[in-house]
């Protein structure tokens, strides 16, 4: 499973391929009320897979709790999340 950056370093989705992730992100953003033009403008043509280094550096923060993207992906897989799916955003 891979985490992909889908917009200008503000939104990430997880999935097996860039194509699956792009379609999942497109559907997600349309369902949140964005217009087709807005979605087409903000999504990368090809989502960018995060490197192992980025996965270890990028962090989730919830109050005093902090964990890496690696740890979050592992937790999601252990919970049996369905992929491709939304992974993280700087907007939340």
C-alpha atoms as a PDB file:
ATOM      1  CA  UNK A   1       0.000   0.000   0.000  1.00  0.00           C
ATOM      2  CA  UNK A   2       1.279   3.461  -0.902  1.00  0.00           C
ATOM      3  CA  UNK A   3       0.404   6.985   0.188  1.00  0.00           C
ATOM      4  CA  UNK A   4       0.152   9.524  -2.627  1.00  0.00           C
ATOM      5  CA  UNK A   5       0.149  13.310  -2.589  1.00  0.00           C
ATOM      6  CA  UNK A   6      -2.827  14.361  -4.727  1.00  0.00           C
ATOM      7  CA  UNK A   7      -2.798  18.173  -4.345  1.00  0.00           C
ATOM      8  CA  UNK A   8      -0.241  20.857  -3.496  1.00  0.00           C
ATOM      9  CA  UNK A   9       1.039  19.135  -0.349  1.00  0.00           C
ATOM     10  CA  UNK A  10      -2.289  19.454   1.448  1.00  0.00           C
ATOM     11  CA  UNK A  11      -4.092  16.175   0.703  1.00  0.00           C
ATOM     12  CA  UNK A  12      -2.959  12.559   0.637  1.00  0.00           C
ATOM     13  CA  UNK A  13      -4.754   9.348  -0.330  1.00  0.00           C
ATOM     14  CA  UNK A  14      -3.656   5.741   0.133  1.00  0.00           C
ATOM     15  CA  UNK A  15      -3.990   2.964  -2.424  1.00  0.00           C
ATOM     16  CA  UNK A  16      -2.155   0.533  -4.641  1.00  0.00           C
ATOM     17  CA  UNK A  17      -1.795   2.662  -7.786  1.00  0.00           C
ATOM     18  CA  UNK A  18      -1.743   6.342  -8.732  1.00  0.00           C
ATOM     19  CA  UNK A  19      -4.713   5.763 -11.054  1.00  0.00           C
ATOM     20  CA  UNK A  20      -6.863   4.244  -8.279  1.00  0.00           C
ATOM     21  CA  UNK A  21      -5.912   7.025  -5.893  1.00  0.00           C
ATOM     22  CA  UNK A  22      -6.679   9.783  -8.401  1.00  0.00           C
ATOM     23  CA  UNK A  23     -10.149   8.374  -9.064  1.00  0.00           C
ATOM     24  CA  UNK A  24     -10.829   7.979  -5.325  1.00  0.00           C
ATOM     25  CA  UNK A  25      -9.668  11.554  -4.661  1.00  0.00           C
ATOM     26  CA  UNK A  26     -11.787  12.889  -7.517  1.00  0.00           C
ATOM     27  CA  UNK A  27     -14.891  11.122  -6.189  1.00  0.00           C
ATOM     28  CA  UNK A  28     -14.167  12.260  -2.624  1.00  0.00           C
ATOM     29  CA  UNK A  29     -13.780  15.932  -3.581  1.00  0.00           C
ATOM     30  CA  UNK A  30     -16.886  15.901  -5.774  1.00  0.00           C
ATOM     31  CA  UNK A  31     -18.864  14.395  -2.876  1.00  0.00           C
ATOM     32  CA  UNK A  32     -17.676  17.219  -0.587  1.00  0.00           C
ATOM     33  CA  UNK A  33     -19.338  19.732  -2.911  1.00  0.00           C
ATOM     34  CA  UNK A  34     -16.457  20.879  -5.074  1.00  0.00           C
ATOM     35  CA  UNK A  35     -17.318  21.535  -8.701  1.00  0.00           C
ATOM     36  CA  UNK A  36     -15.820  19.452 -11.495  1.00  0.00           C
ATOM     37  CA  UNK A  37     -13.722  22.462 -12.547  1.00  0.00           C
ATOM     38  CA  UNK A  38     -12.416  22.962  -8.982  1.00  0.00           C
ATOM     39  CA  UNK A  39     -11.499  19.292  -8.687  1.00  0.00           C
ATOM     40  CA  UNK A  40      -9.789  19.243 -12.077  1.00  0.00           C
ATOM     41  CA  UNK A  41      -7.835  22.355 -11.129  1.00  0.00           C
ATOM     42  CA  UNK A  42      -6.609  21.134  -7.730  1.00  0.00           C
ATOM     43  CA  UNK A  43      -5.778  17.458  -8.429  1.00  0.00           C
ATOM     44  CA  UNK A  44      -2.388  16.546  -9.791  1.00  0.00           C
ATOM     45  CA  UNK A  45      -2.467  14.935 -13.223  1.00  0.00           C
ATOM     46  CA  UNK A  46      -0.524  12.048 -11.689  1.00  0.00           C
ATOM     47  CA  UNK A  47      -0.496  11.604  -7.905  1.00  0.00           C
ATOM     48  CA  UNK A  48       2.995  11.496  -6.383  1.00  0.00           C
ATOM     49  CA  UNK A  49       3.976   8.501  -4.237  1.00  0.00           C
ATOM     50  CA  UNK A  50       5.584   9.477  -0.948  1.00  0.00           C
ATOM     51  CA  UNK A  51       9.067   8.166  -0.332  1.00  0.00           C
ATOM     52  CA  UNK A  52       9.959   6.031   2.681  1.00  0.00           C
ATOM     53  CA  UNK A  53      11.765   9.058   4.075  1.00  0.00           C
ATOM     54  CA  UNK A  54       8.661  11.265   3.729  1.00  0.00           C
ATOM     55  CA  UNK A  55       6.488   8.566   5.315  1.00  0.00           C
ATOM     56  CA  UNK A  56       8.788   8.573   8.335  1.00  0.00           C
ATOM     57  CA  UNK A  57       8.994  12.366   8.556  1.00  0.00           C
ATOM     58  CA  UNK A  58       5.365  13.432   8.013  1.00  0.00           C
ATOM     59  CA  UNK A  59       3.313  13.432  11.201  1.00  0.00           C
ATOM     60  CA  UNK A  60      -0.247  13.138  12.435  1.00  0.00           C
ATOM     61  CA  UNK A  61      -1.018  15.272  15.487  1.00  0.00           C
ATOM     62  CA  UNK A  62      -4.015  14.857  17.780  1.00  0.00           C
ATOM     63  CA  UNK A  63      -3.623  16.919  20.910  1.00  0.00           C
ATOM     64  CA  UNK A  64      -0.461  15.694  22.579  1.00  0.00           C
ATOM     65  CA  UNK A  65      -0.383  12.484  20.516  1.00  0.00           C
ATOM     66  CA  UNK A  66       1.957  12.443  17.507  1.00  0.00           C
ATOM     67  CA  UNK A  67       2.650   9.560  15.124  1.00  0.00           C
ATOM     68  CA  UNK A  68       4.150   9.092  11.664  1.00  0.00           C
ATOM     69  CA  UNK A  69       2.452   8.437   8.357  1.00  0.00           C
ATOM     70  CA  UNK A  70       4.059   4.971   8.481  1.00  0.00           C
ATOM     71  CA  UNK A  71       2.303   4.261  11.770  1.00  0.00           C
ATOM     72  CA  UNK A  72      -1.036   5.631  10.505  1.00  0.00           C
ATOM     73  CA  UNK A  73      -0.941   3.490   7.361  1.00  0.00           C
ATOM     74  CA  UNK A  74      -0.154   0.422   9.449  1.00  0.00           C
ATOM     75  CA  UNK A  75      -3.079   1.207  11.785  1.00  0.00           C
ATOM     76  CA  UNK A  76      -5.447   1.635   8.850  1.00  0.00           C
ATOM     77  CA  UNK A  77      -4.360  -1.679   7.337  1.00  0.00           C
ATOM     78  CA  UNK A  78      -4.732  -3.466  10.699  1.00  0.00           C
ATOM     79  CA  UNK A  79      -8.271  -2.052  11.043  1.00  0.00           C
ATOM     80  CA  UNK A  80      -9.133  -3.429   7.615  1.00  0.00           C
ATOM     81  CA  UNK A  81      -9.740  -0.086   5.915  1.00  0.00           C
ATOM     82  CA  UNK A  82     -10.906  -0.275   2.316  1.00  0.00           C
ATOM     83  CA  UNK A  83      -8.374   1.151  -0.123  1.00  0.00           C
ATOM     84  CA  UNK A  84      -8.026   3.407  -2.034  1.00  0.00           C
ATOM     85  CA  UNK A  85      -9.145   6.001   0.505  1.00  0.00           C
ATOM     86  CA  UNK A  86      -8.566   9.409   2.022  1.00  0.00           C
ATOM     87  CA  UNK A  87      -5.448   9.347   4.183  1.00  0.00           C
ATOM     88  CA  UNK A  88      -4.632  12.844   5.491  1.00  0.00           C
ATOM     89  CA  UNK A  89      -4.970  16.572   4.923  1.00  0.00           C
ATOM     90  CA  UNK A  90      -3.469  19.744   6.312  1.00  0.00           C
ATOM     91  CA  UNK A  91      -6.988  21.185   6.231  1.00  0.00           C
ATOM     92  CA  UNK A  92      -8.199  19.195   9.255  1.00  0.00           C
END
